[in-house]
Amino acid sequence: MSGYIYSIVKFAVKTGLYTYHKKIEITGLDNIPTDKPVLFLPNHQSALIDVLLIATDCQRKPFFLTRADVFSSSWLNRIFSYFRMLPIYRMRDGRETLANNNLIFDTCSEILNRGEALVIFPEANHNLQRRVRPLSKGFTRIILRSFELNPQLDIQLVPVGLNYKNAAHFPDEVAVHYGKSISTKSLFDLNDVNKSSESIKDIVSSSLKKLTSHIPNDELYEATVSRLMNENVSFLDPMLVNETVQSYSKSVTNTKSEAPSERQKINLSKLVFSILNFPVVLLWRLWLKPKVPEAEFMGTFRFAFSFILFPIYLLTLFLSISFLQNMEIAVLSIGSLTVFNILLVKFGLR
């Protein structure tokens, strides 16, 4: 029974993601081994949205390492555990909690030894900037422990590039690129753990810099992003973005060019969407949006809010119209509104 619940929730979330986003592109699924232990290693930009995009399309049923502070109550603990989320503790959770990671790393090693899949964000934090940040050593420690349990284990590393057009915006576009798998069997030497760990980190980092946009220059970052936007370079195509950034070389100055502002454009579609769904839109703007703690969480909060509130809103409308008119008119009205909303997201809203 529990497997059915997981499948139903996965289908619902995937449907929600594809109706929430204007476009989702998935490439490289054929790079994912189906019969070996897999360690997915994505860059991290948009909090829980990153997790959901991988969980619903990666063709495996992976476990996830998740920041421990979200396991704030026993019922949340049960829910997250059911959906294969494991807590990982950070310094900000208290130095005394870091020892708990030893047990978590052991659990991860057992998962890989069973031939299952695990998702770890090797940057160990999230940030909306379009660059690959330095990788932490946490995932290499898990590889080490796995080899200590089974030296013959062939763990496959699959780097994943998550590329958002504008992760804090609605509706957004995103491309998920799965890179070629990397076998750790020939890379990890138990006699020289430090060198092996650094080598694997370098290989994964290099792969991620090809699968997602990487703008390394801090001083010219804002100017580079603005120029890319002005030239309408697609952030869904990291190869094009990175080639374009390299071509800029020193021609980009610190003067911040004016990027086209979506807010400056008159968008009749957005006005129509807001009117048709004004209770949900109003509640989001006045109540929840001001409470979003970081820009990286904007997409997560908005998606979760929409995923829960829109069905309630549509059901309330359906019951009201059924009571005031009849069920046939209610079905036609709610069906039309649902289709129209999806069309606005896909083709109207900017």
Protein backbone atom coordinates (compact mmCIF):
# COMPACT_ATOMS: atom_id res chain seq x y z
CA MET A 1 0.00 0.00 0.00
CA SER A 2 2.81 2.41 0.91
CA GLY A 3 4.35 1.96 -2.55
CA TYR A 4 1.08 3.07 -4.14
CA ILE A 5 0.99 6.19 -1.98
CA TYR A 6 4.54 7.07 -3.04
CA SER A 7 3.63 6.59 -6.72
CA ILE A 8 0.46 8.66 -6.40
CA VAL A 9 2.29 11.51 -4.66
CA LYS A 10 5.10 11.35 -7.22
CA PHE A 11 2.59 11.57 -10.08
CA ALA A 12 0.77 14.48 -8.41
CA VAL A 13 4.00 16.39 -7.76
CA LYS A 14 5.25 15.78 -11.31
CA THR A 15 1.94 17.03 -12.71
CA GLY A 16 2.19 20.05 -10.43
CA LEU A 17 5.75 20.82 -11.55
CA TYR A 18 4.86 20.62 -15.23
CA THR A 19 1.84 22.90 -14.80
CA TYR A 20 3.74 25.33 -12.54
CA HIS A 21 6.66 25.77 -14.96
CA LYS A 22 6.37 27.26 -18.41
CA LYS A 23 8.87 24.69 -19.67
CA ILE A 24 10.84 21.75 -18.26
CA GLU A 25 13.57 20.18 -20.39
CA ILE A 26 15.17 16.89 -19.37
CA THR A 27 18.24 15.51 -21.15
CA GLY A 28 20.70 12.69 -20.49
CA LEU A 29 18.34 10.18 -18.85
CA ASP A 30 20.13 7.46 -20.81
CA ASN A 31 23.28 8.29 -18.81
CA ILE A 32 21.69 6.97 -15.60
CA PRO A 33 22.64 3.34 -14.79
CA THR A 34 19.65 1.20 -13.88
CA ASP A 35 21.46 -1.76 -12.28
CA LYS A 36 24.22 -0.14 -10.22
CA PRO A 37 24.43 2.07 -7.12
CA VAL A 38 24.11 5.70 -8.20
CA LEU A 39 25.14 8.90 -6.47
CA PHE A 40 23.39 11.86 -8.12
CA LEU A 41 25.41 15.06 -7.64
CA PRO A 42 23.48 18.19 -8.73
CA ASN A 43 24.27 21.85 -8.35
CA HIS A 44 21.92 23.54 -5.87
CA GLN A 45 19.97 26.73 -6.60
CA SER A 46 16.27 26.48 -5.79
CA ALA A 47 15.86 24.64 -2.47
CA LEU A 48 13.19 21.90 -2.61
CA ILE A 49 12.38 22.47 -6.30
CA ASP A 50 15.81 21.01 -7.13
CA VAL A 51 14.94 17.88 -5.16
CA LEU A 52 11.50 17.45 -6.72
CA LEU A 53 12.74 17.86 -10.29
CA ILE A 54 15.22 15.03 -9.80
CA ALA A 55 12.89 12.79 -7.77
CA THR A 56 10.12 12.88 -10.37
CA ASP A 57 12.19 12.33 -13.51
CA CYS A 58 15.44 10.49 -12.71
CA GLN A 59 13.98 6.99 -13.37
CA ARG A 60 15.28 5.76 -10.01
CA LYS A 61 13.73 5.95 -6.53
CA PRO A 62 16.49 7.82 -4.73
CA PHE A 63 17.15 8.76 -1.14
CA PHE A 64 18.01 12.41 -0.39
CA LEU A 65 20.25 14.11 2.11
CA THR A 66 18.23 17.04 3.49
CA ARG A 67 19.15 19.82 5.92
CA ALA A 68 18.30 18.59 9.40
CA ASP A 69 16.41 21.69 10.54
CA VAL A 70 13.38 20.77 8.41
CA PHE A 71 12.91 17.64 10.55
CA SER A 72 11.45 19.89 13.22
CA SER A 73 8.70 17.62 14.54
CA SER A 74 7.92 13.92 14.84
CA TRP A 75 5.20 14.00 12.17
CA LEU A 76 7.47 15.84 9.72
CA ASN A 77 10.17 13.31 10.53
CA ARG A 78 7.81 10.47 9.60
CA ILE A 79 6.71 12.17 6.37
CA PHE A 80 10.24 13.00 5.22
CA SER A 81 11.49 9.53 6.14
CA TYR A 82 8.68 7.95 4.11
CA PHE A 83 9.80 9.97 1.09
CA ARG A 84 13.39 8.77 1.58
CA MET A 85 14.82 11.96 3.03
CA LEU A 86 17.72 11.71 5.49
CA PRO A 87 18.79 14.56 7.79
CA ILE A 88 22.25 16.02 7.40
CA TYR A 89 23.53 18.26 10.20
CA ARG A 90 25.46 21.49 9.71
CA MET A 91 27.50 23.71 12.02
CA ARG A 92 24.57 26.10 12.34
CA ASP A 93 22.53 23.23 13.84
CA GLY A 94 25.01 23.12 16.71
CA ARG A 95 28.49 21.62 16.90
CA GLU A 96 27.18 18.82 19.13
CA THR A 97 24.83 17.64 16.36
CA LEU A 98 27.61 17.03 13.83
CA ALA A 99 28.39 13.64 15.38
CA ASN A 100 24.96 12.48 14.17
CA ASN A 101 26.27 12.65 10.61
CA ASN A 102 28.41 9.56 11.23
CA LEU A 103 25.26 7.45 11.54
CA ILE A 104 23.75 9.15 8.47
CA PHE A 105 26.89 8.47 6.42
CA ASP A 106 26.75 4.82 7.50
CA THR A 107 23.12 4.68 6.37
CA CYS A 108 24.07 6.21 3.01
CA SER A 109 26.81 3.62 2.56
CA GLU A 110 24.34 0.82 3.26
CA ILE A 111 21.94 2.32 0.70
CA LEU A 112 24.64 2.30 -1.97
CA ASN A 113 25.72 -1.22 -1.03
CA ARG A 114 22.13 -2.33 -1.69
CA GLY A 115 22.50 -0.99 -5.24
CA GLU A 116 20.11 1.92 -4.66
CA ALA A 117 20.38 5.61 -5.57
CA LEU A 118 21.21 8.61 -3.43
CA VAL A 119 21.05 12.36 -4.14
CA ILE A 120 23.59 14.67 -2.50
CA PHE A 121 24.12 18.35 -3.26
CA PRO A 122 27.93 18.49 -3.17
CA GLU A 123 28.03 22.30 -2.86
CA ALA A 124 26.38 21.79 0.57
CA ASN A 125 24.38 25.02 0.27
CA HIS A 126 22.09 26.74 -2.19
CA ASN A 127 22.55 29.99 -4.08
CA LEU A 128 20.83 31.55 -7.10
CA GLN A 129 24.10 32.72 -8.64
CA ARG A 130 24.91 31.05 -11.93
CA ARG A 131 28.13 29.37 -10.95
CA VAL A 132 29.39 26.10 -9.52
CA ARG A 133 30.61 26.69 -5.98
CA PRO A 134 33.44 24.75 -4.27
CA LEU A 135 32.38 21.19 -3.45
CA SER A 136 32.37 19.85 0.08
CA LYS A 137 34.02 16.55 1.00
CA GLY A 138 30.83 15.00 2.42
CA PHE A 139 30.00 12.91 -0.64
CA THR A 140 33.56 11.57 -0.87
CA ARG A 141 33.31 10.45 2.77
CA ILE A 142 30.22 8.45 1.85
CA ILE A 143 32.09 6.87 -1.06
CA LEU A 144 34.96 5.98 1.29
CA ARG A 145 32.65 4.33 3.82
CA SER A 146 30.92 2.41 1.05
CA PHE A 147 34.24 1.02 -0.17
CA GLU A 148 35.21 0.10 3.37
CA LEU A 149 32.04 -2.02 3.51
CA ASN A 150 32.56 -3.44 0.04
CA PRO A 151 35.84 -2.74 -1.84
CA GLN A 152 34.35 -4.19 -5.05
CA LEU A 153 31.40 -1.82 -5.12
CA ASP A 154 31.07 0.10 -8.39
CA ILE A 155 29.41 3.37 -7.38
CA GLN A 156 28.35 5.46 -10.36
CA LEU A 157 28.50 9.23 -9.94
CA VAL A 158 25.98 11.12 -12.09
CA PRO A 159 26.54 14.90 -12.14
CA VAL A 160 23.33 16.84 -12.72
CA GLY A 161 23.08 20.39 -14.04
CA LEU A 162 20.01 22.36 -12.94
CA ASN A 163 19.50 25.41 -15.12
CA TYR A 164 16.77 27.94 -14.33
CA LYS A 165 15.82 30.93 -16.44
CA ASN A 166 14.87 32.79 -13.26
CA ALA A 167 14.34 30.53 -10.26
CA ALA A 168 12.59 33.18 -8.15
CA HIS A 169 10.14 34.12 -10.92
CA PHE A 170 6.77 32.67 -11.94
CA PRO A 171 6.33 31.00 -14.30
CA ASP A 172 9.90 29.85 -14.69
CA GLU A 173 11.66 27.61 -17.20
CA VAL A 174 14.18 24.96 -16.22
CA ALA A 175 16.47 22.46 -17.92
CA VAL A 176 17.84 19.40 -16.11
CA HIS A 177 20.90 17.88 -17.75
CA TYR A 178 22.17 14.48 -16.54
CA GLY A 179 25.84 14.01 -17.32
CA LYS A 180 27.66 10.81 -18.19
CA SER A 181 28.13 8.49 -15.24
CA ILE A 182 31.56 8.32 -13.59
CA SER A 183 32.75 5.02 -12.13
CA THR A 184 34.49 5.47 -8.77
CA LYS A 185 35.98 1.98 -8.78
CA SER A 186 39.13 3.04 -10.59
CA LEU A 187 39.30 6.50 -9.01
CA PHE A 188 39.23 5.76 -5.30
CA ASP A 189 42.39 4.43 -3.68
CA LEU A 190 41.90 3.37 -0.05
CA ASN A 191 45.65 3.76 0.44
CA ASP A 192 45.52 7.46 -0.48
CA VAL A 193 42.11 8.71 0.58
CA ASN A 194 42.90 12.44 0.52
CA LYS A 195 44.29 12.41 -3.00
CA SER A 196 41.39 10.26 -4.22
CA SER A 197 38.83 12.57 -2.63
CA GLU A 198 40.35 15.68 -4.18
CA SER A 199 40.58 13.98 -7.57
CA ILE A 200 36.91 12.96 -7.50
CA LYS A 201 35.85 16.44 -6.38
CA ASP A 202 37.78 17.98 -9.28
CA ILE A 203 36.22 15.59 -11.80
CA VAL A 204 32.69 16.21 -10.53
CA SER A 205 33.21 19.98 -10.37
CA SER A 206 34.53 20.00 -13.93
CA SER A 207 31.49 18.01 -15.11
CA LEU A 208 29.05 20.33 -13.34
CA LYS A 209 30.68 23.36 -14.97
CA LYS A 210 29.71 21.89 -18.34
CA LEU A 211 26.17 20.94 -17.31
CA THR A 212 25.20 24.29 -15.81
CA SER A 213 26.06 27.95 -16.32
CA HIS A 214 29.34 28.92 -14.70
CA ILE A 215 30.30 32.58 -14.39
CA PRO A 216 33.46 32.48 -12.26
CA ASN A 217 34.39 36.17 -12.11
CA ASP A 218 32.96 37.77 -8.95
CA GLU A 219 33.75 41.34 -9.96
CA LEU A 220 32.12 41.04 -13.39
CA TYR A 221 29.30 38.69 -12.39
CA GLU A 222 26.40 41.17 -12.44
CA ALA A 223 27.59 42.83 -15.64
CA THR A 224 28.01 39.44 -17.32
CA VAL A 225 24.52 38.26 -16.34
CA SER A 226 23.01 41.55 -17.54
CA ARG A 227 24.76 41.27 -20.89
CA LEU A 228 23.62 37.67 -21.33
CA MET A 229 20.04 38.74 -20.61
CA ASN A 230 20.25 41.70 -23.00
CA GLU A 231 21.48 39.37 -25.73
CA ASN A 232 18.70 36.85 -24.95
CA VAL A 233 21.16 34.01 -24.37
CA SER A 234 19.16 31.01 -23.14
CA PHE A 235 20.09 30.04 -19.59
CA LEU A 236 18.62 26.61 -20.33
CA ASP A 237 21.62 25.92 -22.59
CA PRO A 238 24.71 25.92 -20.34
CA MET A 239 27.08 25.10 -23.20
CA LEU A 240 25.93 28.20 -25.08
CA VAL A 241 26.05 30.34 -21.93
CA ASN A 242 29.56 29.23 -20.99
CA GLU A 243 30.87 29.67 -24.54
CA THR A 244 29.35 33.15 -24.65
CA VAL A 245 30.85 34.07 -21.27
CA GLN A 246 34.28 32.95 -22.46
CA SER A 247 33.89 35.02 -25.63
CA TYR A 248 33.26 38.13 -23.54
CA SER A 249 36.72 37.79 -22.04
CA LYS A 250 37.72 41.24 -20.79
CA SER A 251 35.17 43.11 -22.89
CA VAL A 252 32.64 43.07 -20.03
CA THR A 253 33.13 46.04 -17.73
CA ASN A 254 32.02 46.62 -14.18
CA THR A 255 29.35 49.01 -15.43
CA LYS A 256 26.10 47.21 -14.89
CA SER A 257 24.08 47.24 -18.09
CA GLU A 258 20.35 47.52 -17.85
CA ALA A 259 18.74 44.13 -18.27
CA PRO A 260 15.22 43.99 -19.66
CA SER A 261 12.82 44.10 -16.74
CA GLU A 262 9.87 41.76 -16.84
CA ARG A 263 8.02 44.12 -14.52
CA GLN A 264 8.31 47.00 -16.96
CA LYS A 265 6.46 45.09 -19.62
CA ILE A 266 2.71 45.39 -19.71
CA ASN A 267 1.46 41.83 -19.44
CA LEU A 268 -2.27 41.54 -19.95
CA SER A 269 -2.05 37.78 -19.36
CA LYS A 270 -0.74 38.31 -15.82
CA LEU A 271 -3.61 40.70 -15.08
CA VAL A 272 -6.16 38.18 -16.37
CA PHE A 273 -4.53 35.38 -14.34
CA SER A 274 -4.63 37.51 -11.18
CA ILE A 275 -8.31 38.38 -11.67
CA LEU A 276 -9.39 34.79 -12.36
CA ASN A 277 -7.50 33.49 -9.34
CA PHE A 278 -7.58 36.56 -7.12
CA PRO A 279 -8.19 34.78 -3.75
CA VAL A 280 -5.10 32.59 -4.22
CA VAL A 281 -2.98 35.40 -5.69
CA LEU A 282 -4.01 37.82 -2.94
CA LEU A 283 -3.27 35.34 -0.17
CA TRP A 284 0.14 34.61 -1.66
CA ARG A 285 1.16 38.24 -2.09
CA LEU A 286 -0.13 39.60 1.20
CA TRP A 287 0.42 36.65 3.54
CA LEU A 288 3.02 34.08 2.46
CA LYS A 289 5.36 35.88 0.06
CA PRO A 290 6.53 38.42 2.69
CA LYS A 291 7.46 35.48 4.93
CA VAL A 292 9.78 33.76 2.44
CA PRO A 293 13.18 33.85 4.21
CA GLU A 294 15.50 33.80 1.18
CA ALA A 295 15.21 34.32 -2.58
CA GLU A 296 16.38 30.70 -3.02
CA PHE A 297 13.19 29.56 -1.26
CA MET A 298 10.80 31.68 -3.36
CA GLY A 299 10.10 28.96 -5.93
CA THR A 300 9.70 26.29 -3.25
CA PHE A 301 7.23 28.31 -1.18
CA ARG A 302 5.27 29.43 -4.24
CA PHE A 303 5.05 25.92 -5.68
CA ALA A 304 4.01 24.36 -2.36
CA PHE A 305 1.42 27.10 -1.83
CA SER A 306 0.00 26.63 -5.34
CA PHE A 307 0.08 22.84 -5.06
CA ILE A 308 -2.10 22.98 -1.92
CA LEU A 309 -4.24 26.09 -2.45
CA PHE A 310 -5.27 25.76 -6.10
CA PRO A 311 -7.08 22.42 -5.64
CA ILE A 312 -8.88 23.89 -2.61
CA TYR A 313 -9.80 27.01 -4.59
CA LEU A 314 -11.09 25.02 -7.57
CA LEU A 315 -13.03 22.63 -5.33
CA THR A 316 -14.64 25.57 -3.50
CA LEU A 317 -15.64 27.14 -6.81
CA PHE A 318 -17.00 23.81 -8.04
CA LEU A 319 -19.18 23.31 -4.95
CA SER A 320 -20.40 26.92 -5.05
CA ILE A 321 -21.37 26.80 -8.72
CA SER A 322 -22.99 23.38 -8.26
CA PHE A 323 -25.09 24.79 -5.42
CA LEU A 324 -26.04 28.02 -7.21
CA GLN A 325 -26.46 26.53 -10.70
CA ASN A 326 -25.94 22.84 -11.44
CA MET A 327 -23.16 20.28 -11.65
CA GLU A 328 -22.89 20.42 -15.46
CA ILE A 329 -22.18 24.15 -15.41
CA ALA A 330 -19.77 23.64 -12.50
CA VAL A 331 -17.80 20.97 -14.39
CA LEU A 332 -17.65 23.12 -17.53
CA SER A 333 -16.63 26.24 -15.58
CA ILE A 334 -13.90 24.64 -13.48
CA GLY A 335 -12.60 22.59 -16.41
CA SER A 336 -12.39 25.73 -18.55
CA LEU A 337 -10.67 27.70 -15.78
CA THR A 338 -8.11 24.94 -15.23
CA VAL A 339 -7.27 24.66 -18.94
CA PHE A 340 -7.14 28.45 -19.31
CA ASN A 341 -4.77 28.76 -16.33
CA ILE A 342 -2.43 26.16 -17.82
CA LEU A 343 -2.48 27.92 -21.20
CA LEU A 344 -1.65 31.22 -19.50
CA VAL A 345 1.29 29.63 -17.68
CA LYS A 346 2.61 27.92 -20.82
CA PHE A 347 2.04 30.66 -23.38
CA GLY A 348 0.82 33.89 -21.79
CA LEU A 349 2.59 34.81 -18.57
CA ARG A 350 6.09 36.25 -18.71
